[in-house]
């Protein structure tokens, strides 16, 4: 396993992962500036959460979220400025993607970011009191504000006139029960049951495909070849295809 990654446990959430999968975290410091709702945020802390195998790190990632922590707000002309202070920090979700669709991995990672922010005390009590403890993002799903939108389902609200969205961290955490009822023991996440045959088959197909793009972003390849998943031998592919056929029969 790459030394840049380590397993990060959030008991409320990571206990719901199948035993062969874990939540991994990677952090680095990169000066970065982002424009959000007319405000300029300077960011230095960059974090990546990844759901992947804890047995073989060269298996394809199942899902990934990249988020930054803003260090300073310097735009005094913004029409949103009265709602924020220069000392406020904002979690900015840069990318969120999954290689397993409709299994709840995206919502799981949003919950992980919210709990991470809470446990690491990244937001001051004074800022929380003003209801400005948020995860910000630019919604590129094409379904902004609609009922089937992942961010709407997590209690996020539109900000500004374009694609900006703000998600109150406490509201996200309050959506845990919604996530649990919808996804646990019904596909990938588990408590009393195991992964469904269909989900296992989807993961085997992913291993065969060995995608070199970031989860959920087929046009964006990994920057480092070390992140490429391993290509299986014809023999291994044949074996997995047999398993897929068997699982498909079980699912029927």
Foldseek 3Di string as FASTA:
>chain_A
DDPQKDFDDDPVAQVQFPPQKTKIKGKFFDFDWDADQNWIFTWTIKMKIWIDGPVDLLAATFWMWIKTKTQATDRPPGPCPVLDDGRFIEIETEDIFGLDPPQCPRLSVLLVVLVVCVVVVVGDPVCVVSLNHWYKYFDPPVQPPHPPDSQVLQVWDDRDDHRMIIHRSVSNNVCSVVSCVRHEPPAGTYDPDHHALVNLLSSLVSRQVQQQAHHHDNVHGDPDPVSGRDHDDPVVNVVSVVSSVVSVVVVD
